[in-house]
Amino acid sequence: MTGLGPLGPAGVRRVRGWATRAAATARAAHLTAAYRAGGMEVVRNPHLTAEWARHAIHSPALLSAVRRAIGPDIAVENTFLVIKWPGRRPFEVPWHQDGINDRIVLDPRRSVAAWLALTDADETTGCLRVFPGSQRRGYLAYDAEPDAGAVRGRAFGIAGVDPSEARPLPSQAGDGCLMDVRLVHGSDSNTGTGVRIGLNIRFVAPLGYTVRDGSDPSLYPVSGTGWQLHPSTRSIHERGARP
């Protein structure tokens, strides 16, 4: 699908204050201490196990922005926490689009991606780099990169983009952005001195997704009443949560 999409010409919109700067920084310090020894770089679906991540996806500032984009009935299809450690092996995320991979295709009219900063992120620490307006081209051909480490399985290797047209999107802890799920973006390795931590979220409205093999996407509803009897949603409240 081509066209502007729910976030307008640029395909990206800032989200201010999903958390206070102090709260985001404190959570980042906790996560840094928890994962430093093992060098963990990506934690998949932390909203299923961690109360802090569920709190983040229910942020009033974030949900207000998502509702304006895709309506009142909102569910989370996927989350992952990305940690870029300073002074370790390179961790570059190649150009990709959040709404398509080998497992799922999201409807850009009924879905949106969010990126939330838990630490400050600038060009030295590997902030997001986006191609404003690239969503107008629709979903692009990509090469799967099975050896991309912890982020494998996403759509990588998009051709036909000029890196000089990418724009850095620095963020302060507690802020973030929404992106059209077709927006081409990526990030460089962390060459700074501090850790860079961000939470990625894919939000969908009803009928906003297609699972390629026809399996249940196991959505997690966060807003609206349209999910109560939806067959692809599940409750996680009986699961144990960790900080």
Protein backbone atom coordinates (compact mmCIF):
# COMPACT_ATOMS: atom_id res chain seq x y z
CA MET A 1 0.00 0.00 0.00
CA THR A 2 1.28 3.45 -0.91
CA GLY A 3 0.19 6.89 0.30
CA LEU A 4 0.72 9.19 3.24
CA GLY A 5 -0.69 7.07 6.04
CA PRO A 6 -1.90 8.10 9.51
CA LEU A 7 1.17 10.18 10.44
CA GLY A 8 1.15 12.61 7.55
CA PRO A 9 3.80 13.57 4.99
CA ALA A 10 6.88 12.82 7.10
CA GLY A 11 5.63 9.47 8.38
CA VAL A 12 7.08 10.16 11.82
CA ARG A 13 5.79 12.12 14.80
CA ARG A 14 7.44 12.99 18.10
CA VAL A 15 5.98 11.72 21.39
CA ARG A 16 6.88 13.88 24.37
CA GLY A 17 6.74 12.71 27.96
CA TRP A 18 5.69 9.07 27.78
CA ALA A 19 7.58 9.04 31.09
CA THR A 20 9.38 11.66 33.11
CA ARG A 21 13.07 11.97 32.36
CA ALA A 22 13.87 10.87 35.91
CA ALA A 23 11.64 7.78 35.71
CA ALA A 24 13.00 6.70 32.33
CA THR A 25 16.59 7.18 33.47
CA ALA A 26 15.99 5.24 36.67
CA ARG A 27 14.50 2.32 34.71
CA ALA A 28 17.45 2.42 32.32
CA ALA A 29 19.86 2.18 35.25
CA HIS A 30 18.01 -0.88 36.54
CA LEU A 31 18.05 -2.54 33.12
CA THR A 32 21.72 -1.72 32.64
CA ALA A 33 22.58 -3.41 35.91
CA ALA A 34 20.41 -6.42 35.11
CA TYR A 35 21.79 -7.09 31.63
CA ARG A 36 25.37 -5.77 31.68
CA ALA A 37 27.06 -9.00 32.73
CA GLY A 38 25.45 -11.06 29.99
CA GLY A 39 25.76 -8.33 27.38
CA MET A 40 22.10 -8.74 26.41
CA GLU A 41 21.25 -6.59 23.39
CA VAL A 42 17.63 -7.46 22.60
CA VAL A 43 14.88 -8.63 24.95
CA ARG A 44 11.84 -9.88 23.07
CA ASN A 45 8.31 -8.98 24.19
CA PRO A 46 9.14 -7.59 27.65
CA HIS A 47 5.50 -6.50 28.00
CA LEU A 48 4.62 -10.17 28.59
CA THR A 49 6.90 -10.53 31.61
CA ALA A 50 7.86 -7.11 33.00
CA GLU A 51 5.57 -4.66 34.77
CA TRP A 52 7.68 -1.65 33.74
CA ALA A 53 7.14 -2.46 30.03
CA ARG A 54 3.39 -2.84 30.51
CA HIS A 55 3.38 0.49 32.29
CA ALA A 56 5.24 2.04 29.35
CA ILE A 57 2.77 0.82 26.72
CA HIS A 58 -0.11 2.19 28.82
CA SER A 59 1.47 5.66 29.06
CA PRO A 60 -1.31 8.26 28.61
CA ALA A 61 0.86 10.45 26.36
CA LEU A 62 1.75 7.49 24.16
CA LEU A 63 -1.76 6.04 23.92
CA SER A 64 -3.23 9.46 23.16
CA ALA A 65 -0.88 9.78 20.19
CA VAL A 66 -1.62 6.24 18.99
CA ARG A 67 -5.39 6.76 19.26
CA ARG A 68 -5.15 9.87 17.13
CA ALA A 69 -3.34 7.84 14.50
CA ILE A 70 -5.31 4.57 14.33
CA GLY A 71 -8.40 4.89 16.53
CA PRO A 72 -9.51 3.86 20.03
CA ASP A 73 -9.14 0.07 19.78
CA ILE A 74 -5.43 -0.64 20.19
CA ALA A 75 -3.45 -3.80 20.85
CA VAL A 76 0.25 -4.58 21.01
CA GLU A 77 1.46 -7.06 18.43
CA ASN A 78 5.12 -7.08 19.48
CA THR A 79 7.66 -5.31 21.67
CA PHE A 80 11.38 -5.59 22.03
CA LEU A 81 13.92 -3.81 24.17
CA VAL A 82 17.13 -2.80 22.38
CA ILE A 83 20.31 -2.15 24.36
CA LYS A 84 23.35 -0.71 22.60
CA TRP A 85 26.39 -1.03 24.83
CA PRO A 86 29.30 1.38 24.44
CA GLY A 87 32.70 -0.04 23.56
CA ARG A 88 31.46 -3.53 22.64
CA ARG A 89 30.95 -5.25 19.32
CA PRO A 90 29.22 -3.22 16.59
CA PHE A 91 25.44 -3.27 16.68
CA GLU A 92 24.04 -1.57 13.60
CA VAL A 93 20.39 -2.02 12.67
CA PRO A 94 20.18 -1.90 8.83
CA TRP A 95 17.50 -0.02 6.94
CA HIS A 96 14.15 -1.71 7.41
CA GLN A 97 10.38 -1.20 7.73
CA ASP A 98 8.63 -2.28 10.93
CA GLY A 99 5.41 -3.47 9.31
CA ILE A 100 6.71 -6.36 7.23
CA ASN A 101 8.88 -9.40 7.80
CA ASP A 102 8.86 -13.11 7.09
CA ARG A 103 6.11 -13.67 9.69
CA ILE A 104 3.67 -10.79 9.54
CA VAL A 105 2.42 -7.89 7.41
CA LEU A 106 0.78 -4.89 9.09
CA ASP A 107 -1.85 -2.69 7.46
CA PRO A 108 -0.37 0.85 7.49
CA ARG A 109 -3.86 2.33 7.90
CA ARG A 110 -4.46 0.33 11.07
CA SER A 111 -1.04 0.09 12.69
CA VAL A 112 1.80 2.25 13.91
CA ALA A 113 5.24 1.66 15.40
CA ALA A 114 6.55 3.42 18.50
CA TRP A 115 10.08 3.91 19.76
CA LEU A 116 10.53 5.04 23.37
CA ALA A 117 13.82 6.36 24.71
CA LEU A 118 14.87 5.17 28.17
CA THR A 119 18.22 6.93 27.82
CA ASP A 120 19.29 9.94 25.84
CA ALA A 121 20.05 8.91 22.27
CA ASP A 122 22.12 10.98 19.86
CA GLU A 123 24.24 10.31 16.79
CA THR A 124 27.18 9.06 18.84
CA THR A 125 25.13 6.51 20.77
CA GLY A 126 23.16 5.24 17.76
CA CYS A 127 19.90 7.19 17.66
CA LEU A 128 17.25 6.41 15.08
CA ARG A 129 17.90 7.52 11.51
CA VAL A 130 14.79 7.89 9.35
CA PHE A 131 13.88 8.64 5.75
CA PRO A 132 11.02 11.15 6.07
CA GLY A 133 8.31 10.47 3.50
CA SER A 134 9.62 7.02 2.56
CA GLN A 135 6.30 5.45 3.58
CA ARG A 136 4.82 6.82 0.34
CA ARG A 137 6.67 4.09 -1.58
CA GLY A 138 4.80 1.35 0.27
CA TYR A 139 6.45 -1.84 1.38
CA LEU A 140 9.76 -2.43 -0.36
CA ALA A 141 11.53 -5.62 -1.34
CA TYR A 142 13.98 -6.81 1.27
CA ASP A 143 16.50 -9.54 1.94
CA ALA A 144 16.14 -11.53 5.13
CA GLU A 145 19.34 -11.57 7.14
CA PRO A 146 19.29 -14.77 9.21
CA ASP A 147 22.59 -13.98 10.91
CA ALA A 148 21.59 -10.54 12.16
CA GLY A 149 21.89 -11.73 15.76
CA ALA A 150 19.22 -10.81 18.25
CA VAL A 151 17.15 -8.80 15.77
CA ARG A 152 17.02 -11.45 13.04
CA GLY A 153 13.67 -12.20 11.49
CA ARG A 154 12.90 -8.59 10.64
CA ALA A 155 13.03 -7.12 7.15
CA PHE A 156 16.59 -6.19 6.28
CA GLY A 157 18.65 -5.20 3.28
CA ILE A 158 16.28 -2.68 1.68
CA ALA A 159 17.79 -1.51 -1.58
CA GLY A 160 17.38 1.75 -3.43
CA VAL A 161 17.79 4.14 -0.50
CA ASP A 162 20.41 6.88 -0.35
CA PRO A 163 21.94 7.03 3.15
CA SER A 164 22.64 10.74 2.68
CA GLU A 165 18.87 11.33 2.72
CA ALA A 166 18.44 9.79 6.18
CA ARG A 167 17.85 12.17 9.07
CA PRO A 168 18.99 11.56 12.65
CA LEU A 169 16.23 11.58 15.26
CA PRO A 170 17.91 12.27 18.62
CA SER A 171 15.72 11.82 21.69
CA GLN A 172 15.89 12.51 25.40
CA ALA A 173 15.02 9.90 28.00
CA GLY A 174 11.25 9.88 28.49
CA ASP A 175 10.50 10.97 24.93
CA GLY A 176 10.14 8.98 21.71
CA CYS A 177 8.32 8.88 18.40
CA LEU A 178 5.63 7.18 16.36
CA MET A 179 6.48 5.90 12.89
CA ASP A 180 4.43 4.78 9.94
CA VAL A 181 5.06 1.03 9.71
CA ARG A 182 6.35 1.54 6.14
CA LEU A 183 8.86 4.24 7.13
CA VAL A 184 12.41 3.19 6.25
CA HIS A 185 14.71 3.63 9.22
CA GLY A 186 17.68 2.12 11.02
CA SER A 187 20.40 3.04 13.50
CA ASP A 188 24.16 3.01 13.78
CA SER A 189 26.35 1.37 16.40
CA ASN A 190 26.96 3.05 19.73
CA THR A 191 30.31 4.84 19.54
CA GLY A 192 29.64 7.01 22.59
CA THR A 193 30.42 6.50 26.26
CA GLY A 194 26.98 5.70 27.65
CA VAL A 195 24.50 2.89 27.09
CA ARG A 196 21.62 3.52 24.68
CA ILE A 197 18.30 1.82 25.53
CA GLY A 198 15.02 2.00 23.65
CA LEU A 199 11.71 0.13 23.67
CA ASN A 200 10.13 -0.68 20.29
CA ILE A 201 6.37 -1.33 20.11
CA ARG A 202 4.10 -2.33 17.24
CA PHE A 203 0.50 -1.21 17.84
CA VAL A 204 -2.41 -2.50 15.75
CA ALA A 205 -6.13 -1.81 15.43
CA PRO A 206 -8.64 -4.57 14.56
CA LEU A 207 -7.87 -6.14 11.18
CA GLY A 208 -4.54 -4.35 11.16
CA TYR A 209 -2.36 -7.42 10.66
CA THR A 210 -1.90 -10.52 8.55
CA VAL A 211 0.09 -13.47 9.81
CA ARG A 212 1.59 -15.18 6.79
CA ASP A 213 1.06 -18.75 8.01
CA GLY A 214 -2.43 -18.06 9.36
CA SER A 215 -1.45 -18.60 13.00
CA ASP A 216 -2.72 -16.61 15.99
CA PRO A 217 -0.74 -13.37 16.50
CA SER A 218 -1.58 -13.39 20.24
CA LEU A 219 -2.28 -9.70 20.54
CA TYR A 220 -2.24 -7.84 23.87
CA PRO A 221 -5.13 -5.31 24.08
CA VAL A 222 -4.33 -2.00 25.74
CA SER A 223 -7.15 0.38 24.74
CA GLY A 224 -10.77 0.32 23.64
CA THR A 225 -13.58 -2.21 23.96
CA GLY A 226 -13.39 -3.88 20.55
CA TRP A 227 -10.90 -6.49 21.74
CA GLN A 228 -12.99 -8.12 24.46
CA LEU A 229 -14.22 -10.98 22.29
CA HIS A 230 -11.51 -10.84 19.66
CA PRO A 231 -10.14 -14.37 19.04
CA SER A 232 -6.53 -13.29 18.57
CA THR A 233 -6.11 -11.58 21.95
CA ARG A 234 -4.90 -13.10 25.16
CA SER A 235 -4.62 -12.12 28.79
CA ILE A 236 -1.24 -12.13 30.47
CA HIS A 237 -2.43 -11.25 33.93
CA GLU A 238 -1.90 -14.77 35.25
CA ARG A 239 1.75 -14.71 34.15
CA GLY A 240 4.45 -13.77 36.59
CA ALA A 241 6.05 -10.40 36.01
CA ARG A 242 9.57 -9.30 36.81
CA PRO A 243 10.84 -5.75 37.26
